[in-house]
Every structure is written in structure tokens, then in C-alpha cells.
């Protein structure tokens, strides 16, 4: 199971989660080519080790374990995965 970044991250893209991720699975971060073009950050479900470090530092409470994503944001499970399939 992975963590998922949902709607509260849109147009915020705070980097606190990127800084604490031990496996660098949150993208795009500042300095990456598509950072300015993406509305939010995404967690790679294939690389996430389910440590939860990112969840506690998110200032807008946008990060959830995949099985606890609020119903209204369930579509973000696929949006996170899709970002890494391009």
C-alpha cells in the first residue's frame, strides 16, 4: 500500500514531504522540469515504502494512506499512479 496526495495539495506544492521522504518517491519537486506545469505533487505507488513520514509534515493535510483516502478524493489514487506512467 502507498500513500496518496489529494486535492488540498493543488496549487500549494509544499516541499516538506519531499524533504522527509527516505526513498525520493514524491515528484515533481522544485528543480525538476515539470514542477511549474503540474498543479500538485504526486507519490509514486511503486516506490513508496509506506513509512508515513510525509503525512505528518504536510501543512495542508493532503496525504493519506491509500486505504484511507476520503471518498471525495478517491480519484487521486489513480492520478498519483498516472503521473508516473507517462
C-alpha atoms as a PDB file:
ATOM      1  CA  UNK A   1       0.000   0.000   0.000  1.00  0.00           C
ATOM      2  CA  UNK A   2       1.218   3.507  -0.776  1.00  0.00           C
ATOM      3  CA  UNK A   3       0.399   6.982   0.351  1.00  0.00           C
ATOM      4  CA  UNK A   4      -1.582   9.314  -1.926  1.00  0.00           C
ATOM      5  CA  UNK A   5      -1.527  13.090  -2.339  1.00  0.00           C
ATOM      6  CA  UNK A   6      -5.018  14.513  -2.822  1.00  0.00           C
ATOM      7  CA  UNK A   7      -6.764  17.776  -3.699  1.00  0.00           C
ATOM      8  CA  UNK A   8      -5.545  20.001  -0.840  1.00  0.00           C
ATOM      9  CA  UNK A   9      -2.085  19.989  -2.469  1.00  0.00           C
ATOM     10  CA  UNK A  10      -3.327  21.666  -5.644  1.00  0.00           C
ATOM     11  CA  UNK A  11      -1.505  24.970  -6.172  1.00  0.00           C
ATOM     12  CA  UNK A  12       0.302  24.543  -2.832  1.00  0.00           C
ATOM     13  CA  UNK A  13       3.066  22.033  -3.645  1.00  0.00           C
ATOM     14  CA  UNK A  14       4.798  22.494  -0.297  1.00  0.00           C
ATOM     15  CA  UNK A  15       8.153  20.701  -0.308  1.00  0.00           C
ATOM     16  CA  UNK A  16       8.135  19.461   3.315  1.00  0.00           C
ATOM     17  CA  UNK A  17       7.030  15.997   2.207  1.00  0.00           C
ATOM     18  CA  UNK A  18       9.762  15.823  -0.435  1.00  0.00           C
ATOM     19  CA  UNK A  19      12.390  16.677   2.167  1.00  0.00           C
ATOM     20  CA  UNK A  20      11.407  13.875   4.581  1.00  0.00           C
ATOM     21  CA  UNK A  21      10.781  11.089   2.045  1.00  0.00           C
ATOM     22  CA  UNK A  22      13.538   8.493   2.568  1.00  0.00           C
ATOM     23  CA  UNK A  23      13.104   6.965  -0.914  1.00  0.00           C
ATOM     24  CA  UNK A  24      12.575  10.139  -3.012  1.00  0.00           C
ATOM     25  CA  UNK A  25       9.226   8.984  -4.396  1.00  0.00           C
ATOM     26  CA  UNK A  26       7.426  12.363  -4.356  1.00  0.00           C
ATOM     27  CA  UNK A  27       7.566  14.348  -7.594  1.00  0.00           C
ATOM     28  CA  UNK A  28       7.810  16.760  -9.239  1.00  0.00           C
ATOM     29  CA  UNK A  29       9.865  18.741  -6.792  1.00  0.00           C
ATOM     30  CA  UNK A  30      11.482  22.126  -7.253  1.00  0.00           C
ATOM     31  CA  UNK A  31      14.177  21.952  -9.869  1.00  0.00           C
ATOM     32  CA  UNK A  32      12.501  19.241 -11.931  1.00  0.00           C
ATOM     33  CA  UNK A  33      11.367  20.277 -15.431  1.00  0.00           C
ATOM     34  CA  UNK A  34       7.620  19.771 -14.916  1.00  0.00           C
ATOM     35  CA  UNK A  35       7.355  21.338 -11.435  1.00  0.00           C
ATOM     36  CA  UNK A  36       5.799  24.564 -12.739  1.00  0.00           C
ATOM     37  CA  UNK A  37       3.397  22.743 -15.080  1.00  0.00           C
ATOM     38  CA  UNK A  38       1.891  20.345 -12.550  1.00  0.00           C
ATOM     39  CA  UNK A  39      -0.819  21.568 -10.182  1.00  0.00           C
ATOM     40  CA  UNK A  40       0.255  19.281  -7.333  1.00  0.00           C
ATOM     41  CA  UNK A  41       2.839  16.773  -6.126  1.00  0.00           C
ATOM     42  CA  UNK A  42       2.412  13.006  -6.579  1.00  0.00           C
ATOM     43  CA  UNK A  43       3.639   9.896  -4.769  1.00  0.00           C
ATOM     44  CA  UNK A  44       4.956   7.019  -6.859  1.00  0.00           C
ATOM     45  CA  UNK A  45       2.976   3.990  -5.626  1.00  0.00           C
ATOM     46  CA  UNK A  46       5.654   1.575  -6.838  1.00  0.00           C
ATOM     47  CA  UNK A  47       8.406   3.287  -4.840  1.00  0.00           C
ATOM     48  CA  UNK A  48       6.534   4.375  -1.701  1.00  0.00           C
ATOM     49  CA  UNK A  49       7.578   2.246   1.281  1.00  0.00           C
ATOM     50  CA  UNK A  50       4.520   3.186   3.354  1.00  0.00           C
ATOM     51  CA  UNK A  51       6.595   4.823   6.088  1.00  0.00           C
ATOM     52  CA  UNK A  52       4.178   7.715   6.650  1.00  0.00           C
ATOM     53  CA  UNK A  53       6.897  10.338   7.102  1.00  0.00           C
ATOM     54  CA  UNK A  54       5.266  12.594   4.512  1.00  0.00           C
ATOM     55  CA  UNK A  55       1.793  12.535   6.026  1.00  0.00           C
ATOM     56  CA  UNK A  56       2.724  14.184   9.299  1.00  0.00           C
ATOM     57  CA  UNK A  57       4.631  17.099   7.719  1.00  0.00           C
ATOM     58  CA  UNK A  58       2.044  18.092   5.105  1.00  0.00           C
ATOM     59  CA  UNK A  59       0.818  21.581   6.078  1.00  0.00           C
ATOM     60  CA  UNK A  60      -2.483  21.193   4.205  1.00  0.00           C
ATOM     61  CA  UNK A  61      -3.231  17.580   5.229  1.00  0.00           C
ATOM     62  CA  UNK A  62      -3.293  16.340   1.627  1.00  0.00           C
ATOM     63  CA  UNK A  63      -1.538  12.996   2.178  1.00  0.00           C
ATOM     64  CA  UNK A  64      -3.387   9.801   3.077  1.00  0.00           C
ATOM     65  CA  UNK A  65      -2.707   6.071   3.186  1.00  0.00           C
ATOM     66  CA  UNK A  66      -4.277   4.622   0.041  1.00  0.00           C
ATOM     67  CA  UNK A  67      -6.934   2.764   2.030  1.00  0.00           C
ATOM     68  CA  UNK A  68      -7.891   5.932   3.943  1.00  0.00           C
ATOM     69  CA  UNK A  69      -8.295   8.468   1.128  1.00  0.00           C
ATOM     70  CA  UNK A  70     -11.577  10.326   1.728  1.00  0.00           C
ATOM     71  CA  UNK A  71     -14.342   9.260  -0.642  1.00  0.00           C
ATOM     72  CA  UNK A  72     -14.456  12.616  -2.452  1.00  0.00           C
ATOM     73  CA  UNK A  73     -10.748  12.281  -3.330  1.00  0.00           C
ATOM     74  CA  UNK A  74     -10.574   8.592  -4.330  1.00  0.00           C
ATOM     75  CA  UNK A  75      -9.779   9.642  -7.919  1.00  0.00           C
ATOM     76  CA  UNK A  76      -6.403  10.887  -6.681  1.00  0.00           C
ATOM     77  CA  UNK A  77      -5.255   7.301  -6.171  1.00  0.00           C
ATOM     78  CA  UNK A  78      -5.239   6.867  -9.950  1.00  0.00           C
ATOM     79  CA  UNK A  79      -3.965  10.414 -10.571  1.00  0.00           C
ATOM     80  CA  UNK A  80      -0.878   9.722  -8.463  1.00  0.00           C
ATOM     81  CA  UNK A  81      -0.154   6.471 -10.298  1.00  0.00           C
ATOM     82  CA  UNK A  82      -0.853   8.001 -13.723  1.00  0.00           C
ATOM     83  CA  UNK A  83       1.739  10.733 -13.234  1.00  0.00           C
ATOM     84  CA  UNK A  84       4.467   8.072 -13.125  1.00  0.00           C
ATOM     85  CA  UNK A  85       3.160   6.170 -16.149  1.00  0.00           C
ATOM     86  CA  UNK A  86       3.871   8.975 -18.604  1.00  0.00           C
END
